[in-house]
């Protein structure tokens, strides 16, 4: 599970190596990456909303 999270985070910022990407396609399950990706996007959006609300309340 840790390798899936590392792969998702690397994909979010665009720094995943070709070797790791190939390993993900051969050894990982697609469903794990999809679920982790959806959770990652939800957390990212929640963080953006939180930051915007903090900035707007401070102004």
PDB file of N, CA and C in Angstrom:
ATOM      1  N   UNK A   1       0.823  -1.195   0.000  1.00  0.00           N
ATOM      2  CA  UNK A   1       0.000   0.000   0.000  1.00  0.00           C
ATOM      3  C   UNK A   1       0.867   1.258   0.000  1.00  0.00           C
ATOM      4  N   UNK A   2       1.994   1.202   0.683  1.00  0.00           N
ATOM      5  CA  UNK A   2       2.885   2.353   0.721  1.00  0.00           C
ATOM      6  C   UNK A   2       3.430   2.683  -0.671  1.00  0.00           C
ATOM      7  N   UNK A   3       3.713   1.654  -1.464  1.00  0.00           N
ATOM      8  CA  UNK A   3       4.217   1.902  -2.814  1.00  0.00           C
ATOM      9  C   UNK A   3       3.159   2.550  -3.696  1.00  0.00           C
ATOM     10  N   UNK A   4       1.891   2.201  -3.485  1.00  0.00           N
ATOM     11  CA  UNK A   4       0.799   2.821  -4.245  1.00  0.00           C
ATOM     12  C   UNK A   4       0.708   4.305  -3.882  1.00  0.00           C
ATOM     13  N   UNK A   5       0.794   4.615  -2.599  1.00  0.00           N
ATOM     14  CA  UNK A   5       0.724   6.009  -2.160  1.00  0.00           C
ATOM     15  C   UNK A   5       1.896   6.806  -2.715  1.00  0.00           C
ATOM     16  N   UNK A   6       3.096   6.219  -2.681  1.00  0.00           N
ATOM     17  CA  UNK A   6       4.270   6.904  -3.233  1.00  0.00           C
ATOM     18  C   UNK A   6       4.102   7.154  -4.729  1.00  0.00           C
ATOM     19  N   UNK A   7       3.555   6.185  -5.429  1.00  0.00           N
ATOM     20  CA  UNK A   7       3.352   6.342  -6.865  1.00  0.00           C
ATOM     21  C   UNK A   7       2.326   7.423  -7.174  1.00  0.00           C
ATOM     22  N   UNK A   8       1.246   7.460  -6.394  1.00  0.00           N
ATOM     23  CA  UNK A   8       0.211   8.466  -6.601  1.00  0.00           C
ATOM     24  C   UNK A   8       0.765   9.866  -6.332  1.00  0.00           C
ATOM     25  N   UNK A   9       1.515  10.024  -5.235  1.00  0.00           N
ATOM     26  CA  UNK A   9       2.095  11.329  -4.916  1.00  0.00           C
ATOM     27  C   UNK A   9       3.097  11.764  -5.986  1.00  0.00           C
ATOM     28  N   UNK A  10       3.894  10.828  -6.468  1.00  0.00           N
ATOM     29  CA  UNK A  10       4.845  11.154  -7.526  1.00  0.00           C
ATOM     30  C   UNK A  10       4.124  11.543  -8.812  1.00  0.00           C
ATOM     31  N   UNK A  11       3.030  10.888  -9.095  1.00  0.00           N
ATOM     32  CA  UNK A  11       2.260  11.216 -10.296  1.00  0.00           C
ATOM     33  C   UNK A  11       1.601  12.589 -10.162  1.00  0.00           C
ATOM     34  N   UNK A  12       1.156  12.938  -8.945  1.00  0.00           N
ATOM     35  CA  UNK A  12       0.540  14.247  -8.729  1.00  0.00           C
ATOM     36  C   UNK A  12       1.490  15.383  -9.071  1.00  0.00           C
ATOM     37  N   UNK A  13       2.756  15.231  -8.693  1.00  0.00           N
ATOM     38  CA  UNK A  13       3.701  16.323  -8.955  1.00  0.00           C
ATOM     39  C   UNK A  13       4.535  16.088 -10.212  1.00  0.00           C
ATOM     40  N   UNK A  14       4.354  14.941 -10.839  1.00  0.00           N
ATOM     41  CA  UNK A  14       4.965  14.687 -12.144  1.00  0.00           C
ATOM     42  C   UNK A  14       6.430  14.328 -12.109  1.00  0.00           C
ATOM     43  N   UNK A  15       6.888  13.626 -11.073  1.00  0.00           N
ATOM     44  CA  UNK A  15       8.305  13.297 -10.978  1.00  0.00           C
ATOM     45  C   UNK A  15       8.581  11.797 -10.942  1.00  0.00           C
ATOM     46  N   UNK A  16       7.618  10.991 -11.323  1.00  0.00           N
ATOM     47  CA  UNK A  16       7.817   9.548 -11.267  1.00  0.00           C
ATOM     48  C   UNK A  16       8.727   9.087 -12.399  1.00  0.00           C
ATOM     49  N   UNK A  17       9.680   8.234 -12.059  1.00  0.00           N
ATOM     50  CA  UNK A  17      10.616   7.742 -13.066  1.00  0.00           C
ATOM     51  C   UNK A  17       9.930   6.718 -13.972  1.00  0.00           C
ATOM     52  N   UNK A  18      10.502   6.533 -15.127  1.00  0.00           N
ATOM     53  CA  UNK A  18       9.958   5.570 -16.087  1.00  0.00           C
ATOM     54  C   UNK A  18      10.028   4.154 -15.519  1.00  0.00           C
ATOM     55  N   UNK A  19      11.090   3.855 -14.794  1.00  0.00           N
ATOM     56  CA  UNK A  19      11.250   2.524 -14.196  1.00  0.00           C
ATOM     57  C   UNK A  19      10.149   2.250 -13.172  1.00  0.00           C
ATOM     58  N   UNK A  20       9.840   3.216 -12.315  1.00  0.00           N
ATOM     59  CA  UNK A  20       8.766   3.037 -11.330  1.00  0.00           C
ATOM     60  C   UNK A  20       7.407   2.934 -12.005  1.00  0.00           C
ATOM     61  N   UNK A  21       7.205   3.690 -13.059  1.00  0.00           N
ATOM     62  CA  UNK A  21       5.935   3.625 -13.782  1.00  0.00           C
ATOM     63  C   UNK A  21       5.738   2.248 -14.408  1.00  0.00           C
ATOM     64  N   UNK A  22       6.791   1.707 -15.002  1.00  0.00           N
ATOM     65  CA  UNK A  22       6.703   0.364 -15.585  1.00  0.00           C
ATOM     66  C   UNK A  22       6.426  -0.680 -14.508  1.00  0.00           C
ATOM     67  N   UNK A  23       7.056  -0.533 -13.339  1.00  0.00           N
ATOM     68  CA  UNK A  23       6.828  -1.470 -12.240  1.00  0.00           C
ATOM     69  C   UNK A  23       5.377  -1.395 -11.769  1.00  0.00           C
ATOM     70  N   UNK A  24       4.817  -0.188 -11.710  1.00  0.00           N
ATOM     71  CA  UNK A  24       3.426  -0.031 -11.305  1.00  0.00           C
ATOM     72  C   UNK A  24       2.482  -0.744 -12.259  1.00  0.00           C
ATOM     73  N   UNK A  25       2.770  -0.652 -13.563  1.00  0.00           N
ATOM     74  CA  UNK A  25       1.892  -1.284 -14.551  1.00  0.00           C
ATOM     75  C   UNK A  25       1.998  -2.803 -14.530  1.00  0.00           C
ATOM     76  N   UNK A  26       3.146  -3.335 -14.168  1.00  0.00           N
ATOM     77  CA  UNK A  26       3.314  -4.786 -14.192  1.00  0.00           C
ATOM     78  C   UNK A  26       2.959  -5.446 -12.866  1.00  0.00           C
ATOM     79  N   UNK A  27       3.171  -4.750 -11.731  1.00  0.00           N
ATOM     80  CA  UNK A  27       2.970  -5.391 -10.432  1.00  0.00           C
ATOM     81  C   UNK A  27       1.747  -4.894  -9.679  1.00  0.00           C
ATOM     82  N   UNK A  28       1.265  -3.715  -9.970  1.00  0.00           N
ATOM     83  CA  UNK A  28       0.155  -3.152  -9.202  1.00  0.00           C
ATOM     84  C   UNK A  28      -1.196  -3.471  -9.798  1.00  0.00           C
ATOM     85  N   UNK A  29      -2.217  -3.398  -8.950  1.00  0.00           N
ATOM     86  CA  UNK A  29      -3.593  -3.564  -9.412  1.00  0.00           C
ATOM     87  C   UNK A  29      -4.154  -2.192  -9.760  1.00  0.00           C
ATOM     88  N   UNK A  30      -4.840  -2.120 -10.867  1.00  0.00           N
ATOM     89  CA  UNK A  30      -5.388  -0.843 -11.320  1.00  0.00           C
ATOM     90  C   UNK A  30      -6.394  -0.274 -10.321  1.00  0.00           C
ATOM     91  N   UNK A  31      -7.172  -1.137  -9.708  1.00  0.00           N
ATOM     92  CA  UNK A  31      -8.188  -0.660  -8.764  1.00  0.00           C
ATOM     93  C   UNK A  31      -7.557   0.056  -7.575  1.00  0.00           C
ATOM     94  N   UNK A  32      -6.399  -0.415  -7.122  1.00  0.00           N
ATOM     95  CA  UNK A  32      -5.720   0.245  -6.015  1.00  0.00           C
ATOM     96  C   UNK A  32      -5.298   1.658  -6.400  1.00  0.00           C
ATOM     97  N   UNK A  33      -4.796   1.810  -7.615  1.00  0.00           N
ATOM     98  CA  UNK A  33      -4.349   3.125  -8.066  1.00  0.00           C
ATOM     99  C   UNK A  33      -5.527   4.072  -8.281  1.00  0.00           C
ATOM    100  N   UNK A  34      -6.632   3.549  -8.781  1.00  0.00           N
ATOM    101  CA  UNK A  34      -7.816   4.377  -9.004  1.00  0.00           C
ATOM    102  C   UNK A  34      -8.377   4.875  -7.673  1.00  0.00           C
ATOM    103  N   UNK A  35      -8.516   3.961  -6.711  1.00  0.00           N
ATOM    104  CA  UNK A  35      -9.054   4.346  -5.403  1.00  0.00           C
ATOM    105  C   UNK A  35      -8.127   5.334  -4.706  1.00  0.00           C
ATOM    106  N   UNK A  36      -6.831   5.062  -4.725  1.00  0.00           N
ATOM    107  CA  UNK A  36      -5.876   5.969  -4.088  1.00  0.00           C
ATOM    108  C   UNK A  36      -5.856   7.315  -4.799  1.00  0.00           C
ATOM    109  N   UNK A  37      -5.994   7.324  -6.104  1.00  0.00           N
ATOM    110  CA  UNK A  37      -6.038   8.571  -6.854  1.00  0.00           C
ATOM    111  C   UNK A  37      -7.259   9.408  -6.520  1.00  0.00           C
ATOM    112  N   UNK A  38      -8.402   8.761  -6.403  1.00  0.00           N
ATOM    113  CA  UNK A  38      -9.631   9.473  -6.042  1.00  0.00           C
ATOM    114  C   UNK A  38      -9.524  10.055  -4.639  1.00  0.00           C
ATOM    115  N   UNK A  39      -8.994   9.265  -3.707  1.00  0.00           N
ATOM    116  CA  UNK A  39      -8.805   9.765  -2.342  1.00  0.00           C
ATOM    117  C   UNK A  39      -7.809  10.923  -2.337  1.00  0.00           C
ATOM    118  N   UNK A  40      -6.734  10.800  -3.102  1.00  0.00           N
ATOM    119  CA  UNK A  40      -5.735  11.865  -3.178  1.00  0.00           C
ATOM    120  C   UNK A  40      -6.307  13.155  -3.727  1.00  0.00           C
ATOM    121  N   UNK A  41      -7.127  13.061  -4.754  1.00  0.00           N
ATOM    122  CA  UNK A  41      -7.755  14.260  -5.325  1.00  0.00           C
ATOM    123  C   UNK A  41      -8.721  14.881  -4.327  1.00  0.00           C
ATOM    124  N   UNK A  42      -9.478  14.053  -3.613  1.00  0.00           N
ATOM    125  CA  UNK A  42     -10.414  14.579  -2.612  1.00  0.00           C
ATOM    126  C   UNK A  42      -9.669  15.307  -1.496  1.00  0.00           C
ATOM    127  N   UNK A  43      -8.564  14.738  -1.038  1.00  0.00           N
ATOM    128  CA  UNK A  43      -7.765  15.392   0.009  1.00  0.00           C
ATOM    129  C   UNK A  43      -7.183  16.696  -0.521  1.00  0.00           C
ATOM    130  N   UNK A  44      -6.706  16.699  -1.749  1.00  0.00           N
ATOM    131  CA  UNK A  44      -6.137  17.905  -2.352  1.00  0.00           C
ATOM    132  C   UNK A  44      -7.182  19.014  -2.448  1.00  0.00           C
ATOM    133  N   UNK A  45      -8.371  18.684  -2.891  1.00  0.00           N
ATOM    134  CA  UNK A  45      -9.447  19.678  -3.000  1.00  0.00           C
ATOM    135  C   UNK A  45      -9.837  20.189  -1.616  1.00  0.00           C
ATOM    136  N   UNK A  46      -9.911  19.290  -0.632  1.00  0.00           N
ATOM    137  CA  UNK A  46     -10.246  19.709   0.734  1.00  0.00           C
ATOM    138  C   UNK A  46      -9.189  20.655   1.285  1.00  0.00           C
ATOM    139  N   UNK A  47      -7.922  20.379   1.013  1.00  0.00           N
ATOM    140  CA  UNK A  47      -6.849  21.277   1.457  1.00  0.00           C
ATOM    141  C   UNK A  47      -6.944  22.642   0.783  1.00  0.00           C
ATOM    142  N   UNK A  48      -7.256  22.657  -0.499  1.00  0.00           N
ATOM    143  CA  UNK A  48      -7.409  23.934  -1.198  1.00  0.00           C
ATOM    144  C   UNK A  48      -8.559  24.746  -0.614  1.00  0.00           C
ATOM    145  N   UNK A  49      -9.670  24.097  -0.344  1.00  0.00           N
ATOM    146  CA  UNK A  49     -10.819  24.791   0.251  1.00  0.00           C
ATOM    147  C   UNK A  49     -10.450  25.335   1.628  1.00  0.00           C
ATOM    148  N   UNK A  50      -9.752  24.547   2.423  1.00  0.00           N
ATOM    149  CA  UNK A  50      -9.324  24.976   3.749  1.00  0.00           C
ATOM    150  C   UNK A  50      -8.396  26.188   3.667  1.00  0.00           C
ATOM    151  N   UNK A  51      -7.438  26.142   2.765  1.00  0.00           N
ATOM    152  CA  UNK A  51      -6.499  27.261   2.616  1.00  0.00           C
ATOM    153  C   UNK A  51      -7.228  28.521   2.168  1.00  0.00           C
ATOM    154  N   UNK A  52      -8.119  28.405   1.214  1.00  0.00           N
ATOM    155  CA  UNK A  52      -8.864  29.566   0.733  1.00  0.00           C
ATOM    156  C   UNK A  52      -9.718  30.151   1.850  1.00  0.00           C
ATOM    157  N   UNK A  53     -10.377  29.292   2.613  1.00  0.00           N
ATOM    158  CA  UNK A  53     -11.200  29.786   3.727  1.00  0.00           C
ATOM    159  C   UNK A  53     -10.352  30.477   4.791  1.00  0.00           C
ATOM    160  N   UNK A  54      -9.173  29.944   5.071  1.00  0.00           N
ATOM    161  CA  UNK A  54      -8.277  30.578   6.035  1.00  0.00           C
ATOM    162  C   UNK A  54      -7.802  31.946   5.555  1.00  0.00           C
ATOM    163  N   UNK A  55      -7.457  32.039   4.285  1.00  0.00           N
ATOM    164  CA  UNK A  55      -6.985  33.301   3.721  1.00  0.00           C
ATOM    165  C   UNK A  55      -8.105  34.322   3.706  1.00  0.00           C
ATOM    166  N   UNK A  56      -9.296  33.912   3.309  1.00  0.00           N
ATOM    167  CA  UNK A  56     -10.409  34.853   3.234  1.00  0.00           C
ATOM    168  C   UNK A  56     -10.871  35.309   4.625  1.00  0.00           C
ATOM    169  N   UNK A  57     -10.789  34.444   5.625  1.00  0.00           N
ATOM    170  CA  UNK A  57     -11.191  34.852   6.961  1.00  0.00           C
ATOM    171  C   UNK A  57     -10.165  35.762   7.603  1.00  0.00           C
ATOM    172  N   UNK A  58      -8.911  35.674   7.189  1.00  0.00           N
ATOM    173  CA  UNK A  58      -7.866  36.519   7.741  1.00  0.00           C
ATOM    174  C   UNK A  58      -7.870  37.915   7.090  1.00  0.00           C
ATOM    175  N   UNK A  59      -8.456  38.021   5.934  1.00  0.00           N
ATOM    176  CA  UNK A  59      -8.431  39.293   5.206  1.00  0.00           C
ATOM    177  C   UNK A  59      -9.450  40.278   5.691  1.00  0.00           C
TER     178      UNK A  59
END
